[in-house]
Amino acid sequence: MTNDIDYGRLGERIKRFRHKAHWTQEQLAGRIDVATSTIAHAESGTSKPSLPLLIKIANELNVSLDQLISDSLPIADVYIQKDISDILSDCTITEKQIIRDILLTTKETLRKHIQ
């Protein structure tokens, strides 16, 4: 694992947390007093948001800063597990079983092609 921030993944997480709050880019931008394009660029990974901006975004979305940059931290696995749990939280048992089967097949395929 490197110490570099993956800005594409950071943007995906900002977007996911924003959607979870049921906000548009415009609404989030207004709440933290930045241009909508600032949020759009952060979410698309085409800019490198400053630490003060990330703190504002995290505070407004009611998440911790490390949740936003989790794949750049040694404890990333904890946050990935939580992300998966959050994704599955509103699924039915049937949906969870299907997702499990998809994950198992994907994992087998990845391991077969990566080695």
PDB file of N, CA and C in Angstrom:
ATOM      1  N   MET A   1       0.847  -1.181   0.000  1.00  0.00           N
ATOM      2  CA  MET A   1       0.000   0.000   0.000  1.00  0.00           C
ATOM      3  C   MET A   1       0.887   1.236   0.000  1.00  0.00           C
ATOM      4  N   THR A   2       0.535   2.204  -0.815  1.00  0.00           N
ATOM      5  CA  THR A   2       1.287   3.451  -0.853  1.00  0.00           C
ATOM      6  C   THR A   2       0.599   4.480   0.025  1.00  0.00           C
ATOM      7  N   ASN A   3       1.289   5.574   0.250  1.00  0.00           N
ATOM      8  CA  ASN A   3       0.712   6.663   1.035  1.00  0.00           C
ATOM      9  C   ASN A   3       0.043   7.697   0.146  1.00  0.00           C
ATOM     10  N   ASP A   4      -0.038   7.420  -1.150  1.00  0.00           N
ATOM     11  CA  ASP A   4      -0.655   8.357  -2.075  1.00  0.00           C
ATOM     12  C   ASP A   4      -2.167   8.268  -1.987  1.00  0.00           C
ATOM     13  N   ILE A   5      -2.802   9.407  -2.129  1.00  0.00           N
ATOM     14  CA  ILE A   5      -4.261   9.440  -2.129  1.00  0.00           C
ATOM     15  C   ILE A   5      -4.746   9.132  -3.537  1.00  0.00           C
ATOM     16  N   ASP A   6      -5.675   8.226  -3.644  1.00  0.00           N
ATOM     17  CA  ASP A   6      -6.314   7.919  -4.923  1.00  0.00           C
ATOM     18  C   ASP A   6      -7.495   8.884  -5.052  1.00  0.00           C
ATOM     19  N   TYR A   7      -7.290   9.955  -5.811  1.00  0.00           N
ATOM     20  CA  TYR A   7      -8.313  11.012  -5.893  1.00  0.00           C
ATOM     21  C   TYR A   7      -9.580  10.550  -6.604  1.00  0.00           C
ATOM     22  N   GLY A   8      -9.465   9.585  -7.490  1.00  0.00           N
ATOM     23  CA  GLY A   8     -10.660   9.027  -8.132  1.00  0.00           C
ATOM     24  C   GLY A   8     -11.539   8.317  -7.121  1.00  0.00           C
ATOM     25  N   ARG A   9     -10.912   7.495  -6.291  1.00  0.00           N
ATOM     26  CA  ARG A   9     -11.670   6.766  -5.260  1.00  0.00           C
ATOM     27  C   ARG A   9     -12.193   7.727  -4.187  1.00  0.00           C
ATOM     28  N   LEU A  10     -11.388   8.740  -3.865  1.00  0.00           N
ATOM     29  CA  LEU A  10     -11.837   9.766  -2.920  1.00  0.00           C
ATOM     30  C   LEU A  10     -13.110  10.418  -3.437  1.00  0.00           C
ATOM     31  N   GLY A  11     -13.102  10.786  -4.719  1.00  0.00           N
ATOM     32  CA  GLY A  11     -14.275  11.407  -5.319  1.00  0.00           C
ATOM     33  C   GLY A  11     -15.494  10.504  -5.303  1.00  0.00           C
ATOM     34  N   GLU A  12     -15.267   9.207  -5.550  1.00  0.00           N
ATOM     35  CA  GLU A  12     -16.380   8.249  -5.512  1.00  0.00           C
ATOM     36  C   GLU A  12     -16.990   8.190  -4.115  1.00  0.00           C
ATOM     37  N   ARG A  13     -16.137   8.217  -3.096  1.00  0.00           N
ATOM     38  CA  ARG A  13     -16.657   8.167  -1.724  1.00  0.00           C
ATOM     39  C   ARG A  13     -17.408   9.455  -1.372  1.00  0.00           C
ATOM     40  N   ILE A  14     -16.877  10.599  -1.776  1.00  0.00           N
ATOM     41  CA  ILE A  14     -17.600  11.857  -1.525  1.00  0.00           C
ATOM     42  C   ILE A  14     -18.982  11.777  -2.162  1.00  0.00           C
ATOM     43  N   LYS A  15     -19.024  11.330  -3.400  1.00  0.00           N
ATOM     44  CA  LYS A  15     -20.298  11.224  -4.119  1.00  0.00           C
ATOM     45  C   LYS A  15     -21.251  10.262  -3.410  1.00  0.00           C
ATOM     46  N   ARG A  16     -20.717   9.112  -2.975  1.00  0.00           N
ATOM     47  CA  ARG A  16     -21.562   8.121  -2.306  1.00  0.00           C
ATOM     48  C   ARG A  16     -22.135   8.687  -1.009  1.00  0.00           C
ATOM     49  N   PHE A  17     -21.296   9.355  -0.207  1.00  0.00           N
ATOM     50  CA  PHE A  17     -21.790   9.947   1.040  1.00  0.00           C
ATOM     51  C   PHE A  17     -22.777  11.088   0.750  1.00  0.00           C
ATOM     52  N   ARG A  18     -22.536  11.841  -0.304  1.00  0.00           N
ATOM     53  CA  ARG A  18     -23.465  12.919  -0.680  1.00  0.00           C
ATOM     54  C   ARG A  18     -24.814  12.328  -1.076  1.00  0.00           C
ATOM     55  N   HIS A  19     -24.780  11.260  -1.874  1.00  0.00           N
ATOM     56  CA  HIS A  19     -26.037  10.606  -2.268  1.00  0.00           C
ATOM     57  C   HIS A  19     -26.766  10.051  -1.038  1.00  0.00           C
ATOM     58  N   LYS A  20     -25.998   9.497  -0.116  1.00  0.00           N
ATOM     59  CA  LYS A  20     -26.603   8.952   1.104  1.00  0.00           C
ATOM     60  C   LYS A  20     -27.326  10.046   1.887  1.00  0.00           C
ATOM     61  N   ALA A  21     -26.798  11.277   1.805  1.00  0.00           N
ATOM     62  CA  ALA A  21     -27.446  12.419   2.462  1.00  0.00           C
ATOM     63  C   ALA A  21     -28.593  12.984   1.623  1.00  0.00           C
ATOM     64  N   HIS A  22     -28.784  12.436   0.408  1.00  0.00           N
ATOM     65  CA  HIS A  22     -29.834  12.886  -0.508  1.00  0.00           C
ATOM     66  C   HIS A  22     -29.640  14.340  -0.929  1.00  0.00           C
ATOM     67  N   TRP A  23     -28.375  14.702  -1.186  1.00  0.00           N
ATOM     68  CA  TRP A  23     -28.052  16.050  -1.619  1.00  0.00           C
ATOM     69  C   TRP A  23     -27.508  16.048  -3.033  1.00  0.00           C
ATOM     70  N   THR A  24     -27.769  17.133  -3.730  1.00  0.00           N
ATOM     71  CA  THR A  24     -27.155  17.349  -5.040  1.00  0.00           C
ATOM     72  C   THR A  24     -25.780  17.976  -4.807  1.00  0.00           C
ATOM     73  N   GLN A  25     -24.993  18.032  -5.873  1.00  0.00           N
ATOM     74  CA  GLN A  25     -23.704  18.726  -5.775  1.00  0.00           C
ATOM     75  C   GLN A  25     -23.923  20.182  -5.386  1.00  0.00           C
ATOM     76  N   GLU A  26     -24.959  20.785  -5.953  1.00  0.00           N
ATOM     77  CA  GLU A  26     -25.260  22.176  -5.662  1.00  0.00           C
ATOM     78  C   GLU A  26     -25.577  22.389  -4.181  1.00  0.00           C
ATOM     79  N   GLN A  27     -26.342  21.469  -3.614  1.00  0.00           N
ATOM     80  CA  GLN A  27     -26.707  21.594  -2.206  1.00  0.00           C
ATOM     81  C   GLN A  27     -25.480  21.471  -1.302  1.00  0.00           C
ATOM     82  N   LEU A  28     -24.625  20.478  -1.575  1.00  0.00           N
ATOM     83  CA  LEU A  28     -23.416  20.327  -0.765  1.00  0.00           C
ATOM     84  C   LEU A  28     -22.530  21.558  -0.908  1.00  0.00           C
ATOM     85  N   ALA A  29     -22.359  22.013  -2.133  1.00  0.00           N
ATOM     86  CA  ALA A  29     -21.525  23.197  -2.378  1.00  0.00           C
ATOM     87  C   ALA A  29     -22.051  24.400  -1.597  1.00  0.00           C
ATOM     88  N   GLY A  30     -23.351  24.599  -1.620  1.00  0.00           N
ATOM     89  CA  GLY A  30     -23.947  25.714  -0.895  1.00  0.00           C
ATOM     90  C   GLY A  30     -23.750  25.602   0.604  1.00  0.00           C
ATOM     91  N   ARG A  31     -23.826  24.400   1.120  1.00  0.00           N
ATOM     92  CA  ARG A  31     -23.689  24.178   2.556  1.00  0.00           C
ATOM     93  C   ARG A  31     -22.273  24.461   3.053  1.00  0.00           C
ATOM     94  N   ILE A  32     -21.276  24.295   2.155  1.00  0.00           N
ATOM     95  CA  ILE A  32     -19.891  24.539   2.586  1.00  0.00           C
ATOM     96  C   ILE A  32     -19.295  25.772   1.903  1.00  0.00           C
ATOM     97  N   ASP A  33     -20.146  26.510   1.203  1.00  0.00           N
ATOM     98  CA  ASP A  33     -19.782  27.792   0.598  1.00  0.00           C
ATOM     99  C   ASP A  33     -18.632  27.679  -0.416  1.00  0.00           C
ATOM    100  N   VAL A  34     -18.801  26.746  -1.359  1.00  0.00           N
ATOM    101  CA  VAL A  34     -17.864  26.629  -2.483  1.00  0.00           C
ATOM    102  C   VAL A  34     -18.677  26.543  -3.773  1.00  0.00           C
ATOM    103  N   ALA A  35     -18.012  26.684  -4.892  1.00  0.00           N
ATOM    104  CA  ALA A  35     -18.691  26.572  -6.182  1.00  0.00           C
ATOM    105  C   ALA A  35     -19.090  25.115  -6.430  1.00  0.00           C
ATOM    106  N   THR A  36     -20.195  24.932  -7.131  1.00  0.00           N
ATOM    107  CA  THR A  36     -20.638  23.583  -7.483  1.00  0.00           C
ATOM    108  C   THR A  36     -19.554  22.855  -8.265  1.00  0.00           C
ATOM    109  N   SER A  37     -18.823  23.586  -9.105  1.00  0.00           N
ATOM    110  CA  SER A  37     -17.755  22.955  -9.887  1.00  0.00           C
ATOM    111  C   SER A  37     -16.656  22.393  -8.989  1.00  0.00           C
ATOM    112  N   THR A  38     -16.462  22.975  -7.814  1.00  0.00           N
ATOM    113  CA  THR A  38     -15.473  22.453  -6.871  1.00  0.00           C
ATOM    114  C   THR A  38     -15.857  21.044  -6.430  1.00  0.00           C
ATOM    115  N   ILE A  39     -17.130  20.850  -6.132  1.00  0.00           N
ATOM    116  CA  ILE A  39     -17.622  19.526  -5.733  1.00  0.00           C
ATOM    117  C   ILE A  39     -17.553  18.574  -6.927  1.00  0.00           C
ATOM    118  N   ALA A  40     -17.956  19.054  -8.098  1.00  0.00           N
ATOM    119  CA  ALA A  40     -17.933  18.214  -9.299  1.00  0.00           C
ATOM    120  C   ALA A  40     -16.515  17.734  -9.602  1.00  0.00           C
ATOM    121  N   HIS A  41     -15.542  18.627  -9.511  1.00  0.00           N
ATOM    122  CA  HIS A  41     -14.148  18.248  -9.775  1.00  0.00           C
ATOM    123  C   HIS A  41     -13.626  17.293  -8.702  1.00  0.00           C
ATOM    124  N   ALA A  42     -13.995  17.520  -7.466  1.00  0.00           N
ATOM    125  CA  ALA A  42     -13.565  16.622  -6.391  1.00  0.00           C
ATOM    126  C   ALA A  42     -14.142  15.228  -6.603  1.00  0.00           C
ATOM    127  N   GLU A  43     -15.424  15.159  -6.975  1.00  0.00           N
ATOM    128  CA  GLU A  43     -16.067  13.857  -7.169  1.00  0.00           C
ATOM    129  C   GLU A  43     -15.553  13.129  -8.398  1.00  0.00           C
ATOM    130  N   SER A  44     -15.167  13.856  -9.401  1.00  0.00           N
ATOM    131  CA  SER A  44     -14.673  13.204 -10.625  1.00  0.00           C
ATOM    132  C   SER A  44     -13.195  12.850 -10.525  1.00  0.00           C
ATOM    133  N   GLY A  45     -12.529  13.332  -9.482  1.00  0.00           N
ATOM    134  CA  GLY A  45     -11.115  13.039  -9.301  1.00  0.00           C
ATOM    135  C   GLY A  45     -10.208  13.881 -10.175  1.00  0.00           C
ATOM    136  N   THR A  46     -10.761  14.950 -10.776  1.00  0.00           N
ATOM    137  CA  THR A  46      -9.960  15.797 -11.664  1.00  0.00           C
ATOM    138  C   THR A  46      -9.256  16.926 -10.918  1.00  0.00           C
ATOM    139  N   SER A  47      -9.502  17.014  -9.613  1.00  0.00           N
ATOM    140  CA  SER A  47      -8.789  18.000  -8.806  1.00  0.00           C
ATOM    141  C   SER A  47      -8.324  17.318  -7.531  1.00  0.00           C
ATOM    142  N   LYS A  48      -7.413  17.968  -6.861  1.00  0.00           N
ATOM    143  CA  LYS A  48      -6.906  17.482  -5.583  1.00  0.00           C
ATOM    144  C   LYS A  48      -7.423  18.423  -4.503  1.00  0.00           C
ATOM    145  N   PRO A  49      -8.529  18.053  -3.865  1.00  0.00           N
ATOM    146  CA  PRO A  49      -9.114  18.938  -2.857  1.00  0.00           C
ATOM    147  C   PRO A  49      -8.134  19.212  -1.716  1.00  0.00           C
ATOM    148  N   SER A  50      -8.146  20.436  -1.235  1.00  0.00           N
ATOM    149  CA  SER A  50      -7.287  20.812  -0.114  1.00  0.00           C
ATOM    150  C   SER A  50      -7.781  20.145   1.167  1.00  0.00           C
ATOM    151  N   LEU A  51      -6.897  20.076   2.143  1.00  0.00           N
ATOM    152  CA  LEU A  51      -7.287  19.521   3.436  1.00  0.00           C
ATOM    153  C   LEU A  51      -8.438  20.310   4.061  1.00  0.00           C
ATOM    154  N   PRO A  52      -8.396  21.645   4.062  1.00  0.00           N
ATOM    155  CA  PRO A  52      -9.547  22.375   4.621  1.00  0.00           C
ATOM    156  C   PRO A  52     -10.865  22.057   3.907  1.00  0.00           C
ATOM    157  N   LEU A  53     -10.818  21.875   2.580  1.00  0.00           N
ATOM    158  CA  LEU A  53     -12.036  21.521   1.848  1.00  0.00           C
ATOM    159  C   LEU A  53     -12.518  20.131   2.247  1.00  0.00           C
ATOM    160  N   LEU A  54     -11.601  19.190   2.356  1.00  0.00           N
ATOM    161  CA  LEU A  54     -11.986  17.829   2.750  1.00  0.00           C
ATOM    162  C   LEU A  54     -12.593  17.816   4.145  1.00  0.00           C
ATOM    163  N   ILE A  55     -12.059  18.628   5.027  1.00  0.00           N
ATOM    164  CA  ILE A  55     -12.612  18.716   6.387  1.00  0.00           C
ATOM    165  C   ILE A  55     -14.028  19.277   6.352  1.00  0.00           C
ATOM    166  N   LYS A  56     -14.241  20.327   5.548  1.00  0.00           N
ATOM    167  CA  LYS A  56     -15.591  20.885   5.408  1.00  0.00           C
ATOM    168  C   LYS A  56     -16.563  19.840   4.859  1.00  0.00           C
ATOM    169  N   ILE A  57     -16.135  19.124   3.819  1.00  0.00           N
ATOM    170  CA  ILE A  57     -16.989  18.102   3.207  1.00  0.00           C
ATOM    171  C   ILE A  57     -17.304  17.008   4.224  1.00  0.00           C
ATOM    172  N   ALA A  58     -16.285  16.517   4.911  1.00  0.00           N
ATOM    173  CA  ALA A  58     -16.491  15.453   5.901  1.00  0.00           C
ATOM    174  C   ALA A  58     -17.445  15.908   7.002  1.00  0.00           C
ATOM    175  N   ASN A  59     -17.212  17.109   7.513  1.00  0.00           N
ATOM    176  CA  ASN A  59     -18.085  17.615   8.583  1.00  0.00           C
ATOM    177  C   ASN A  59     -19.522  17.754   8.107  1.00  0.00           C
ATOM    178  N   GLU A  60     -19.714  18.287   6.919  1.00  0.00           N
ATOM    179  CA  GLU A  60     -21.072  18.508   6.421  1.00  0.00           C
ATOM    180  C   GLU A  60     -21.785  17.186   6.131  1.00  0.00           C
ATOM    181  N   LEU A  61     -21.015  16.199   5.654  1.00  0.00           N
ATOM    182  CA  LEU A  61     -21.607  14.888   5.352  1.00  0.00           C
ATOM    183  C   LEU A  61     -21.668  13.982   6.578  1.00  0.00           C
ATOM    184  N   ASN A  62     -21.170  14.513   7.707  1.00  0.00           N
ATOM    185  CA  ASN A  62     -21.187  13.775   8.973  1.00  0.00           C
ATOM    186  C   ASN A  62     -20.414  12.455   8.886  1.00  0.00           C
ATOM    187  N   VAL A  63     -19.242  12.521   8.258  1.00  0.00           N
ATOM    188  CA  VAL A  63     -18.338  11.381   8.188  1.00  0.00           C
ATOM    189  C   VAL A  63     -16.968  11.841   8.664  1.00  0.00           C
ATOM    190  N   SER A  64     -16.127  10.886   9.012  1.00  0.00           N
ATOM    191  CA  SER A  64     -14.783  11.260   9.430  1.00  0.00           C
ATOM    192  C   SER A  64     -13.897  11.452   8.200  1.00  0.00           C
ATOM    193  N   LEU A  65     -12.864  12.228   8.367  1.00  0.00           N
ATOM    194  CA  LEU A  65     -11.928  12.463   7.278  1.00  0.00           C
ATOM    195  C   LEU A  65     -11.298  11.158   6.814  1.00  0.00           C
ATOM    196  N   ASP A  66     -10.991  10.272   7.756  1.00  0.00           N
ATOM    197  CA  ASP A  66     -10.385   9.003   7.350  1.00  0.00           C
ATOM    198  C   ASP A  66     -11.343   8.122   6.565  1.00  0.00           C
ATOM    199  N   GLN A  67     -12.651   8.321   6.735  1.00  0.00           N
ATOM    200  CA  GLN A  67     -13.599   7.583   5.892  1.00  0.00           C
ATOM    201  C   GLN A  67     -13.485   8.029   4.438  1.00  0.00           C
ATOM    202  N   LEU A  68     -13.178   9.300   4.221  1.00  0.00           N
ATOM    203  CA  LEU A  68     -13.039   9.801   2.858  1.00  0.00           C
ATOM    204  C   LEU A  68     -11.758   9.302   2.195  1.00  0.00           C
ATOM    205  N   ILE A  69     -10.681   9.196   2.959  1.00  0.00           N
ATOM    206  CA  ILE A  69      -9.397   8.814   2.368  1.00  0.00           C
ATOM    207  C   ILE A  69      -8.987   7.399   2.773  1.00  0.00           C
ATOM    208  N   SER A  70      -9.938   6.571   3.098  1.00  0.00           N
ATOM    209  CA  SER A  70      -9.675   5.266   3.707  1.00  0.00           C
ATOM    210  C   SER A  70      -8.701   4.372   2.947  1.00  0.00           C
ATOM    211  N   ASP A  71      -8.700   4.383   1.618  1.00  0.00           N
ATOM    212  CA  ASP A  71      -7.796   3.465   0.926  1.00  0.00           C
ATOM    213  C   ASP A  71      -6.355   3.943   0.962  1.00  0.00           C
ATOM    214  N   SER A  72      -6.107   5.112   1.509  1.00  0.00           N
ATOM    215  CA  SER A  72      -4.746   5.632   1.662  1.00  0.00           C
ATOM    216  C   SER A  72      -4.230   5.401   3.081  1.00  0.00           C
ATOM    217  N   LEU A  73      -5.002   4.716   3.909  1.00  0.00           N
ATOM    218  CA  LEU A  73      -4.632   4.489   5.297  1.00  0.00           C
ATOM    219  C   LEU A  73      -4.357   3.012   5.550  1.00  0.00           C
ATOM    220  N   PRO A  74      -3.481   2.719   6.509  1.00  0.00           N
ATOM    221  CA  PRO A  74      -3.210   1.315   6.833  1.00  0.00           C
ATOM    222  C   PRO A  74      -4.444   0.561   7.316  1.00  0.00           C
ATOM    223  N   ILE A  75      -5.426   1.262   7.850  1.00  0.00           N
ATOM    224  CA  ILE A  75      -6.634   0.593   8.356  1.00  0.00           C
ATOM    225  C   ILE A  75      -7.744   0.547   7.307  1.00  0.00           C
ATOM    226  N   ALA A  76      -7.363   0.639   6.050  1.00  0.00           N
ATOM    227  CA  ALA A  76      -8.347   0.684   4.965  1.00  0.00           C
ATOM    228  C   ALA A  76      -9.305  -0.495   5.009  1.00  0.00           C
ATOM    229  N   ASP A  77      -8.824  -1.658   5.391  1.00  0.00           N
ATOM    230  CA  ASP A  77      -9.666  -2.853   5.400  1.00  0.00           C
ATOM    231  C   ASP A  77     -10.898  -2.673   6.282  1.00  0.00           C
ATOM    232  N   VAL A  78     -10.742  -2.001   7.403  1.00  0.00           N
ATOM    233  CA  VAL A  78     -11.868  -1.756   8.308  1.00  0.00           C
ATOM    234  C   VAL A  78     -12.944  -0.947   7.602  1.00  0.00           C
ATOM    235  N   TYR A  79     -12.522   0.072   6.870  1.00  0.00           N
ATOM    236  CA  TYR A  79     -13.483   0.932   6.187  1.00  0.00           C
ATOM    237  C   TYR A  79     -14.103   0.247   4.972  1.00  0.00           C
ATOM    238  N   ILE A  80     -13.327  -0.571   4.300  1.00  0.00           N
ATOM    239  CA  ILE A  80     -13.881  -1.326   3.172  1.00  0.00           C
ATOM    240  C   ILE A  80     -14.951  -2.281   3.677  1.00  0.00           C
ATOM    241  N   GLN A  81     -14.681  -2.949   4.796  1.00  0.00           N
ATOM    242  CA  GLN A  81     -15.682  -3.840   5.390  1.00  0.00           C
ATOM    243  C   GLN A  81     -16.950  -3.069   5.759  1.00  0.00           C
ATOM    244  N   LYS A  82     -16.769  -1.872   6.317  1.00  0.00           N
ATOM    245  CA  LYS A  82     -17.933  -1.051   6.686  1.00  0.00           C
ATOM    246  C   LYS A  82     -18.693  -0.608   5.441  1.00  0.00           C
ATOM    247  N   ASP A  83     -17.960  -0.232   4.393  1.00  0.00           N
ATOM    248  CA  ASP A  83     -18.610   0.147   3.133  1.00  0.00           C
ATOM    249  C   ASP A  83     -19.470  -1.001   2.608  1.00  0.00           C
ATOM    250  N   ILE A  84     -18.913  -2.197   2.632  1.00  0.00           N
ATOM    251  CA  ILE A  84     -19.657  -3.374   2.158  1.00  0.00           C
ATOM    252  C   ILE A  84     -20.886  -3.601   3.025  1.00  0.00           C
ATOM    253  N   SER A  85     -20.716  -3.482   4.318  1.00  0.00           N
ATOM    254  CA  SER A  85     -21.842  -3.647   5.236  1.00  0.00           C
ATOM    255  C   SER A  85     -22.926  -2.608   4.971  1.00  0.00           C
ATOM    256  N   ASP A  86     -22.519  -1.361   4.739  1.00  0.00           N
ATOM    257  CA  ASP A  86     -23.486  -0.300   4.440  1.00  0.00           C
ATOM    258  C   ASP A  86     -24.236  -0.583   3.147  1.00  0.00           C
ATOM    259  N   ILE A  87     -23.523  -1.069   2.147  1.00  0.00           N
ATOM    260  CA  ILE A  87     -24.146  -1.387   0.860  1.00  0.00           C
ATOM    261  C   ILE A  87     -25.198  -2.476   1.027  1.00  0.00           C
ATOM    262  N   LEU A  88     -24.894  -3.452   1.867  1.00  0.00           N
ATOM    263  CA  LEU A  88     -25.801  -4.589   2.052  1.00  0.00           C
ATOM    264  C   LEU A  88     -26.918  -4.319   3.060  1.00  0.00           C
ATOM    265  N   SER A  89     -26.819  -3.237   3.795  1.00  0.00           N
ATOM    266  CA  SER A  89     -27.736  -3.001   4.915  1.00  0.00           C
ATOM    267  C   SER A  89     -29.212  -2.971   4.531  1.00  0.00           C
ATOM    268  N   ASP A  90     -29.529  -2.531   3.330  1.00  0.00           N
ATOM    269  CA  ASP A  90     -30.947  -2.466   2.959  1.00  0.00           C
ATOM    270  C   ASP A  90     -31.346  -3.558   1.966  1.00  0.00           C
ATOM    271  N   CYS A  91     -30.490  -4.561   1.806  1.00  0.00           N
ATOM    272  CA  CYS A  91     -30.784  -5.655   0.878  1.00  0.00           C
ATOM    273  C   CYS A  91     -31.613  -6.737   1.558  1.00  0.00           C
ATOM    274  N   THR A  92     -32.433  -7.394   0.762  1.00  0.00           N
ATOM    275  CA  THR A  92     -33.168  -8.552   1.267  1.00  0.00           C
ATOM    276  C   THR A  92     -32.209  -9.730   1.349  1.00  0.00           C
ATOM    277  N   ILE A  93     -32.619 -10.781   2.004  1.00  0.00           N
ATOM    278  CA  ILE A  93     -31.770 -11.973   2.113  1.00  0.00           C
ATOM    279  C   ILE A  93     -31.492 -12.557   0.727  1.00  0.00           C
ATOM    280  N   THR A  94     -32.470 -12.524  -0.145  1.00  0.00           N
ATOM    281  CA  THR A  94     -32.280 -13.029  -1.508  1.00  0.00           C
ATOM    282  C   THR A  94     -31.243 -12.187  -2.251  1.00  0.00           C
ATOM    283  N   GLU A  95     -31.334 -10.882  -2.118  1.00  0.00           N
ATOM    284  CA  GLU A  95     -30.349 -10.007  -2.756  1.00  0.00           C
ATOM    285  C   GLU A  95     -28.949 -10.269  -2.198  1.00  0.00           C
ATOM    286  N   LYS A  96     -28.852 -10.464  -0.888  1.00  0.00           N
ATOM    287  CA  LYS A  96     -27.558 -10.749  -0.270  1.00  0.00           C
ATOM    288  C   LYS A  96     -26.975 -12.074  -0.790  1.00  0.00           C
ATOM    289  N   GLN A  97     -27.818 -13.060  -0.966  1.00  0.00           N
ATOM    290  CA  GLN A  97     -27.338 -14.347  -1.480  1.00  0.00           C
ATOM    291  C   GLN A  97     -26.818 -14.205  -2.914  1.00  0.00           C
ATOM    292  N   ILE A  98     -27.513 -13.437  -3.710  1.00  0.00           N
ATOM    293  CA  ILE A  98     -27.085 -13.208  -5.093  1.00  0.00           C
ATOM    294  C   ILE A  98     -25.766 -12.438  -5.113  1.00  0.00           C
ATOM    295  N   ILE A  99     -25.669 -11.414  -4.287  1.00  0.00           N
ATOM    296  CA  ILE A  99     -24.434 -10.629  -4.210  1.00  0.00           C
ATOM    297  C   ILE A  99     -23.281 -11.509  -3.736  1.00  0.00           C
ATOM    298  N   ARG A 100     -23.540 -12.367  -2.759  1.00  0.00           N
ATOM    299  CA  ARG A 100     -22.506 -13.300  -2.292  1.00  0.00           C
ATOM    300  C   ARG A 100     -22.007 -14.179  -3.422  1.00  0.00           C
ATOM    301  N   ASP A 101     -22.933 -14.727  -4.204  1.00  0.00           N
ATOM    302  CA  ASP A 101     -22.550 -15.584  -5.322  1.00  0.00           C
ATOM    303  C   ASP A 101     -21.736 -14.808  -6.360  1.00  0.00           C
ATOM    304  N   ILE A 102     -22.137 -13.587  -6.628  1.00  0.00           N
ATOM    305  CA  ILE A 102     -21.400 -12.742  -7.579  1.00  0.00           C
ATOM    306  C   ILE A 102     -19.986 -12.480  -7.050  1.00  0.00           C
ATOM    307  N   LEU A 103     -19.880 -12.168  -5.754  1.00  0.00           N
ATOM    308  CA  LEU A 103     -18.569 -11.902  -5.153  1.00  0.00           C
ATOM    309  C   LEU A 103     -17.659 -13.133  -5.215  1.00  0.00           C
ATOM    310  N   LEU A 104     -18.211 -14.290  -4.911  1.00  0.00           N
ATOM    311  CA  LEU A 104     -17.410 -15.516  -4.958  1.00  0.00           C
ATOM    312  C   LEU A 104     -16.880 -15.781  -6.369  1.00  0.00           C
ATOM    313  N   THR A 105     -17.745 -15.628  -7.357  1.00  0.00           N
ATOM    314  CA  THR A 105     -17.340 -15.838  -8.742  1.00  0.00           C
ATOM    315  C   THR A 105     -16.302 -14.803  -9.163  1.00  0.00           C
ATOM    316  N   THR A 106     -16.523 -13.560  -8.786  1.00  0.00           N
ATOM    317  CA  THR A 106     -15.582 -12.486  -9.121  1.00  0.00           C
ATOM    318  C   THR A 106     -14.229 -12.738  -8.471  1.00  0.00           C
ATOM    319  N   LYS A 107     -14.231 -13.128  -7.215  1.00  0.00           N
ATOM    320  CA  LYS A 107     -12.992 -13.408  -6.489  1.00  0.00           C
ATOM    321  C   LYS A 107     -12.219 -14.543  -7.160  1.00  0.00           C
ATOM    322  N   GLU A 108     -12.905 -15.623  -7.513  1.00  0.00           N
ATOM    323  CA  GLU A 108     -12.249 -16.746  -8.185  1.00  0.00           C
ATOM    324  C   GLU A 108     -11.646 -16.314  -9.521  1.00  0.00           C
ATOM    325  N   THR A 109     -12.393 -15.527 -10.281  1.00  0.00           N
ATOM    326  CA  THR A 109     -11.912 -15.054 -11.582  1.00  0.00           C
ATOM    327  C   THR A 109     -10.701 -14.149 -11.417  1.00  0.00           C
ATOM    328  N   LEU A 110     -10.760 -13.235 -10.465  1.00  0.00           N
ATOM    329  CA  LEU A 110      -9.628 -12.338 -10.211  1.00  0.00           C
ATOM    330  C   LEU A 110      -8.378 -13.119  -9.854  1.00  0.00           C
ATOM    331  N   ARG A 111      -8.515 -14.050  -8.945  1.00  0.00           N
ATOM    332  CA  ARG A 111      -7.358 -14.822  -8.510  1.00  0.00           C
ATOM    333  C   ARG A 111      -6.797 -15.691  -9.622  1.00  0.00           C
ATOM    334  N   LYS A 112      -7.655 -16.169 -10.468  1.00  0.00           N
ATOM    335  CA  LYS A 112      -7.199 -16.992 -11.591  1.00  0.00           C
ATOM    336  C   LYS A 112      -6.397 -16.157 -12.584  1.00  0.00           C
ATOM    337  N   HIS A 113      -6.800 -14.932 -12.826  1.00  0.00           N
ATOM    338  CA  HIS A 113      -6.163 -14.087 -13.830  1.00  0.00           C
ATOM    339  C   HIS A 113      -5.009 -13.244 -13.279  1.00  0.00           C
ATOM    340  N   ILE A 114      -4.959 -13.044 -11.980  1.00  0.00           N
ATOM    341  CA  ILE A 114      -3.899 -12.239 -11.393  1.00  0.00           C
ATOM    342  C   ILE A 114      -2.617 -13.056 -11.213  1.00  0.00           C
ATOM    343  N   GLN A 115      -2.737 -14.324 -10.968  1.00  0.00           N
ATOM    344  CA  GLN A 115      -1.551 -15.158 -10.710  1.00  0.00           C
ATOM    345  C   GLN A 115      -0.755 -15.449 -11.921  1.00  0.00           C
TER     346      GLN A 115
END
